[in-house]
Amino acid sequence: MGGLAERLLRDLVGRCRGAGIAVAFFLIPEGPAFQNLYSPEARIAADAYLQALSREFGVPVLAVNEPFAEEEFADSHHLLSAGAARFSRLFADRCLRPWMREE
């Protein structure tokens, strides 16, 4: 968090805004094994950082908030076809469509 990645993110959001492009952050699903790589404190810090950026930029954070089984991933981070299709349907229905109606 921070450093070059944050500077690039800030630049990208600024360019999108300058071009009239709506911006939203979104969270991808993670498998249980990947989630266990983070300590509870690290997860809290990452969530707080994302929420702070969201407030600062006035950008929503879109998340499905649906658990995905380890079997839906190739490596606990990259979804396999069936998991990707399920995520895409959920994301479109629960996140994208409502957000696009607001925009």
N, C-alpha and C. Protein backbone atom coordinates (compact mmCIF):
# COMPACT_ATOMS: atom_id res chain seq x y z
N MET A 1 0.85 -1.17 0.00
CA MET A 1 0.00 0.00 0.00
C MET A 1 0.89 1.23 0.00
N GLY A 2 0.56 2.14 -0.85
CA GLY A 2 1.35 3.35 -0.97
C GLY A 2 2.38 3.21 -2.08
N GLY A 3 3.35 4.09 -2.08
CA GLY A 3 4.44 4.02 -3.04
C GLY A 3 4.00 4.22 -4.48
N LEU A 4 4.72 3.61 -5.38
CA LEU A 4 4.47 3.75 -6.81
C LEU A 4 3.08 3.27 -7.20
N ALA A 5 2.63 2.16 -6.65
CA ALA A 5 1.31 1.64 -6.99
C ALA A 5 0.22 2.66 -6.67
N GLU A 6 0.34 3.31 -5.52
CA GLU A 6 -0.67 4.30 -5.15
C GLU A 6 -0.59 5.53 -6.05
N ARG A 7 0.60 5.95 -6.38
CA ARG A 7 0.74 7.10 -7.29
C ARG A 7 0.12 6.79 -8.65
N LEU A 8 0.34 5.59 -9.15
CA LEU A 8 -0.24 5.20 -10.43
C LEU A 8 -1.76 5.12 -10.34
N LEU A 9 -2.27 4.60 -9.23
CA LEU A 9 -3.71 4.55 -9.04
C LEU A 9 -4.31 5.95 -9.02
N ARG A 10 -3.67 6.85 -8.30
CA ARG A 10 -4.16 8.23 -8.25
C ARG A 10 -4.14 8.87 -9.64
N ASP A 11 -3.09 8.62 -10.40
CA ASP A 11 -2.99 9.15 -11.75
C ASP A 11 -4.11 8.58 -12.63
N LEU A 12 -4.34 7.28 -12.53
CA LEU A 12 -5.37 6.64 -13.34
C LEU A 12 -6.75 7.17 -13.00
N VAL A 13 -7.08 7.29 -11.72
CA VAL A 13 -8.38 7.82 -11.32
C VAL A 13 -8.52 9.26 -11.83
N GLY A 14 -7.48 10.05 -11.70
CA GLY A 14 -7.52 11.43 -12.19
C GLY A 14 -7.74 11.51 -13.69
N ARG A 15 -7.06 10.66 -14.45
CA ARG A 15 -7.23 10.64 -15.91
C ARG A 15 -8.65 10.22 -16.28
N CYS A 16 -9.16 9.21 -15.60
CA CYS A 16 -10.54 8.77 -15.88
C CYS A 16 -11.52 9.90 -15.60
N ARG A 17 -11.35 10.53 -14.46
CA ARG A 17 -12.25 11.64 -14.12
C ARG A 17 -12.15 12.76 -15.15
N GLY A 18 -10.93 13.08 -15.58
CA GLY A 18 -10.73 14.12 -16.58
C GLY A 18 -11.40 13.80 -17.90
N ALA A 19 -11.52 12.51 -18.20
CA ALA A 19 -12.14 12.08 -19.45
C ALA A 19 -13.63 11.77 -19.28
N GLY A 20 -14.16 12.01 -18.08
CA GLY A 20 -15.58 11.75 -17.84
C GLY A 20 -15.93 10.28 -17.69
N ILE A 21 -14.96 9.46 -17.31
CA ILE A 21 -15.18 8.03 -17.15
C ILE A 21 -15.47 7.73 -15.67
N ALA A 22 -16.58 7.07 -15.41
CA ALA A 22 -16.93 6.70 -14.05
C ALA A 22 -15.94 5.66 -13.53
N VAL A 23 -15.63 5.76 -12.25
CA VAL A 23 -14.64 4.87 -11.64
C VAL A 23 -15.26 4.17 -10.44
N ALA A 24 -14.95 2.88 -10.30
CA ALA A 24 -15.31 2.11 -9.11
C ALA A 24 -14.17 1.15 -8.83
N PHE A 25 -13.95 0.87 -7.57
CA PHE A 25 -13.01 -0.17 -7.17
C PHE A 25 -13.83 -1.44 -6.97
N PHE A 26 -13.25 -2.60 -7.24
CA PHE A 26 -13.97 -3.83 -6.95
C PHE A 26 -13.02 -4.86 -6.38
N LEU A 27 -13.60 -5.74 -5.59
CA LEU A 27 -12.84 -6.79 -4.94
C LEU A 27 -13.10 -8.11 -5.64
N ILE A 28 -12.04 -8.84 -5.90
CA ILE A 28 -12.16 -10.15 -6.52
C ILE A 28 -12.24 -11.21 -5.43
N PRO A 29 -12.85 -12.33 -5.73
CA PRO A 29 -12.91 -13.39 -4.71
C PRO A 29 -11.54 -13.99 -4.46
N GLU A 30 -11.38 -14.46 -3.26
CA GLU A 30 -10.15 -15.16 -2.86
C GLU A 30 -10.55 -16.49 -2.24
N GLY A 31 -9.77 -17.51 -2.51
CA GLY A 31 -10.01 -18.80 -1.91
C GLY A 31 -9.60 -18.82 -0.45
N PRO A 32 -10.09 -19.78 0.30
CA PRO A 32 -9.75 -19.88 1.72
C PRO A 32 -8.24 -19.93 1.97
N ALA A 33 -7.50 -20.67 1.17
CA ALA A 33 -6.05 -20.76 1.39
C ALA A 33 -5.39 -19.40 1.19
N PHE A 34 -5.82 -18.65 0.19
CA PHE A 34 -5.25 -17.32 -0.06
C PHE A 34 -5.62 -16.37 1.08
N GLN A 35 -6.86 -16.44 1.54
CA GLN A 35 -7.29 -15.57 2.64
C GLN A 35 -6.48 -15.83 3.90
N ASN A 36 -6.07 -17.07 4.11
CA ASN A 36 -5.30 -17.41 5.30
C ASN A 36 -3.87 -16.90 5.26
N LEU A 37 -3.43 -16.38 4.12
CA LEU A 37 -2.08 -15.80 4.04
C LEU A 37 -1.98 -14.48 4.79
N TYR A 38 -3.12 -13.82 5.01
CA TYR A 38 -3.16 -12.54 5.69
C TYR A 38 -3.49 -12.72 7.15
N SER A 39 -2.80 -12.01 8.00
CA SER A 39 -3.18 -11.99 9.41
C SER A 39 -4.45 -11.15 9.54
N PRO A 40 -5.21 -11.33 10.60
CA PRO A 40 -6.39 -10.48 10.80
C PRO A 40 -6.03 -8.99 10.80
N GLU A 41 -4.87 -8.65 11.36
CA GLU A 41 -4.44 -7.25 11.40
C GLU A 41 -4.14 -6.72 10.00
N ALA A 42 -3.52 -7.55 9.17
CA ALA A 42 -3.22 -7.14 7.79
C ALA A 42 -4.50 -6.93 7.00
N ARG A 43 -5.47 -7.80 7.19
CA ARG A 43 -6.76 -7.68 6.50
C ARG A 43 -7.46 -6.39 6.92
N ILE A 44 -7.45 -6.10 8.21
CA ILE A 44 -8.07 -4.87 8.71
C ILE A 44 -7.37 -3.65 8.12
N ALA A 45 -6.05 -3.67 8.09
CA ALA A 45 -5.29 -2.54 7.54
C ALA A 45 -5.58 -2.36 6.05
N ALA A 46 -5.64 -3.45 5.30
CA ALA A 46 -5.92 -3.36 3.86
C ALA A 46 -7.33 -2.82 3.62
N ASP A 47 -8.31 -3.31 4.39
CA ASP A 47 -9.68 -2.82 4.25
C ASP A 47 -9.78 -1.34 4.60
N ALA A 48 -9.09 -0.91 5.66
CA ALA A 48 -9.11 0.50 6.06
C ALA A 48 -8.47 1.37 4.97
N TYR A 49 -7.39 0.90 4.39
CA TYR A 49 -6.72 1.63 3.32
C TYR A 49 -7.65 1.79 2.12
N LEU A 50 -8.31 0.71 1.71
CA LEU A 50 -9.23 0.77 0.58
C LEU A 50 -10.39 1.71 0.87
N GLN A 51 -10.94 1.64 2.06
CA GLN A 51 -12.06 2.53 2.42
C GLN A 51 -11.61 3.99 2.45
N ALA A 52 -10.39 4.26 2.91
CA ALA A 52 -9.88 5.63 2.91
C ALA A 52 -9.74 6.16 1.49
N LEU A 53 -9.20 5.33 0.58
CA LEU A 53 -9.10 5.75 -0.82
C LEU A 53 -10.49 5.96 -1.42
N SER A 54 -11.41 5.08 -1.09
CA SER A 54 -12.78 5.19 -1.59
C SER A 54 -13.40 6.53 -1.17
N ARG A 55 -13.25 6.87 0.10
CA ARG A 55 -13.79 8.15 0.59
C ARG A 55 -13.08 9.34 -0.06
N GLU A 56 -11.77 9.27 -0.13
CA GLU A 56 -11.00 10.39 -0.70
C GLU A 56 -11.39 10.66 -2.14
N PHE A 57 -11.53 9.60 -2.93
CA PHE A 57 -11.85 9.77 -4.35
C PHE A 57 -13.35 9.86 -4.61
N GLY A 58 -14.17 9.52 -3.61
CA GLY A 58 -15.60 9.45 -3.85
C GLY A 58 -15.94 8.32 -4.81
N VAL A 59 -15.23 7.20 -4.66
CA VAL A 59 -15.36 6.06 -5.55
C VAL A 59 -15.93 4.89 -4.74
N PRO A 60 -16.98 4.23 -5.25
CA PRO A 60 -17.51 3.09 -4.50
C PRO A 60 -16.60 1.88 -4.58
N VAL A 61 -16.73 1.03 -3.58
CA VAL A 61 -16.05 -0.28 -3.57
C VAL A 61 -17.14 -1.32 -3.81
N LEU A 62 -17.03 -2.04 -4.89
CA LEU A 62 -18.02 -3.05 -5.25
C LEU A 62 -17.49 -4.42 -4.85
N ALA A 63 -18.30 -5.18 -4.13
CA ALA A 63 -17.88 -6.50 -3.69
C ALA A 63 -19.08 -7.43 -3.66
N VAL A 64 -18.88 -8.65 -4.10
CA VAL A 64 -19.94 -9.66 -4.12
C VAL A 64 -20.22 -10.17 -2.70
N ASN A 65 -19.20 -10.29 -1.88
CA ASN A 65 -19.33 -10.80 -0.50
C ASN A 65 -19.99 -12.16 -0.45
N GLU A 66 -19.57 -13.02 -1.33
CA GLU A 66 -20.06 -14.39 -1.40
C GLU A 66 -18.86 -15.31 -1.28
N PRO A 67 -18.89 -16.30 -0.40
CA PRO A 67 -17.74 -17.19 -0.31
C PRO A 67 -17.60 -18.07 -1.55
N PHE A 68 -16.37 -18.34 -1.91
CA PHE A 68 -16.05 -19.23 -3.02
C PHE A 68 -15.21 -20.38 -2.46
N ALA A 69 -15.52 -21.58 -2.89
CA ALA A 69 -14.82 -22.77 -2.40
C ALA A 69 -13.45 -22.86 -3.05
N GLU A 70 -12.55 -23.47 -2.35
CA GLU A 70 -11.19 -23.66 -2.87
C GLU A 70 -11.20 -24.36 -4.23
N GLU A 71 -12.15 -25.26 -4.42
CA GLU A 71 -12.24 -26.01 -5.68
C GLU A 71 -12.60 -25.14 -6.88
N GLU A 72 -13.07 -23.91 -6.63
CA GLU A 72 -13.42 -23.01 -7.72
C GLU A 72 -12.21 -22.24 -8.25
N PHE A 73 -11.05 -22.45 -7.64
CA PHE A 73 -9.84 -21.74 -7.99
C PHE A 73 -8.78 -22.70 -8.54
N ALA A 74 -7.93 -22.17 -9.41
CA ALA A 74 -6.77 -22.93 -9.87
C ALA A 74 -5.70 -22.94 -8.79
N ASP A 75 -5.60 -21.83 -8.04
CA ASP A 75 -4.51 -21.66 -7.08
C ASP A 75 -4.92 -20.83 -5.87
N SER A 76 -6.20 -20.82 -5.57
CA SER A 76 -6.78 -20.06 -4.46
C SER A 76 -6.86 -18.56 -4.75
N HIS A 77 -6.42 -18.14 -5.94
CA HIS A 77 -6.49 -16.73 -6.31
C HIS A 77 -7.09 -16.51 -7.70
N HIS A 78 -6.89 -17.44 -8.60
CA HIS A 78 -7.39 -17.33 -9.97
C HIS A 78 -8.52 -18.33 -10.17
N LEU A 79 -9.71 -17.80 -10.43
CA LEU A 79 -10.88 -18.64 -10.58
C LEU A 79 -10.80 -19.52 -11.83
N LEU A 80 -11.32 -20.72 -11.69
CA LEU A 80 -11.50 -21.60 -12.84
C LEU A 80 -12.77 -21.17 -13.58
N SER A 81 -13.04 -21.75 -14.73
CA SER A 81 -14.15 -21.31 -15.58
C SER A 81 -15.49 -21.26 -14.85
N ALA A 82 -15.84 -22.33 -14.14
CA ALA A 82 -17.14 -22.35 -13.46
C ALA A 82 -17.22 -21.28 -12.37
N GLY A 83 -16.16 -21.14 -11.60
CA GLY A 83 -16.13 -20.11 -10.56
C GLY A 83 -16.16 -18.71 -11.15
N ALA A 84 -15.44 -18.51 -12.25
CA ALA A 84 -15.43 -17.21 -12.91
C ALA A 84 -16.81 -16.86 -13.45
N ALA A 85 -17.50 -17.85 -14.01
CA ALA A 85 -18.85 -17.61 -14.52
C ALA A 85 -19.80 -17.25 -13.37
N ARG A 86 -19.68 -17.97 -12.25
CA ARG A 86 -20.53 -17.67 -11.09
C ARG A 86 -20.24 -16.27 -10.55
N PHE A 87 -18.95 -15.94 -10.42
CA PHE A 87 -18.59 -14.61 -9.95
C PHE A 87 -19.12 -13.54 -10.89
N SER A 88 -18.97 -13.74 -12.19
CA SER A 88 -19.41 -12.74 -13.17
C SER A 88 -20.91 -12.49 -13.06
N ARG A 89 -21.70 -13.56 -12.91
CA ARG A 89 -23.15 -13.39 -12.77
C ARG A 89 -23.48 -12.62 -11.49
N LEU A 90 -22.86 -13.03 -10.39
CA LEU A 90 -23.12 -12.35 -9.11
C LEU A 90 -22.69 -10.89 -9.16
N PHE A 91 -21.52 -10.65 -9.73
CA PHE A 91 -20.99 -9.29 -9.79
C PHE A 91 -21.88 -8.40 -10.65
N ALA A 92 -22.32 -8.92 -11.79
CA ALA A 92 -23.21 -8.14 -12.65
C ALA A 92 -24.52 -7.82 -11.95
N ASP A 93 -25.13 -8.83 -11.32
CA ASP A 93 -26.43 -8.65 -10.69
C ASP A 93 -26.38 -7.81 -9.42
N ARG A 94 -25.39 -8.06 -8.57
CA ARG A 94 -25.36 -7.40 -7.26
C ARG A 94 -24.59 -6.09 -7.24
N CYS A 95 -23.67 -5.92 -8.18
CA CYS A 95 -22.78 -4.75 -8.13
C CYS A 95 -22.92 -3.84 -9.34
N LEU A 96 -22.64 -4.38 -10.51
CA LEU A 96 -22.58 -3.54 -11.71
C LEU A 96 -23.91 -2.90 -12.07
N ARG A 97 -24.95 -3.70 -12.15
CA ARG A 97 -26.25 -3.13 -12.55
C ARG A 97 -26.71 -2.04 -11.58
N PRO A 98 -26.69 -2.29 -10.27
CA PRO A 98 -27.09 -1.20 -9.35
C PRO A 98 -26.21 0.04 -9.48
N TRP A 99 -24.90 -0.16 -9.61
CA TRP A 99 -24.00 0.98 -9.74
C TRP A 99 -24.25 1.76 -11.02
N MET A 100 -24.46 1.05 -12.11
CA MET A 100 -24.69 1.72 -13.39
C MET A 100 -26.01 2.49 -13.38
N ARG A 101 -27.02 1.99 -12.67
CA ARG A 101 -28.28 2.74 -12.56
C ARG A 101 -28.04 4.07 -11.83
N GLU A 102 -27.15 4.04 -10.83
CA GLU A 102 -26.84 5.27 -10.09
C GLU A 102 -26.07 6.26 -10.94
N GLU A 103 -25.18 5.75 -11.78
CA GLU A 103 -24.35 6.60 -12.62
C GLU A 103 -25.18 7.19 -13.72
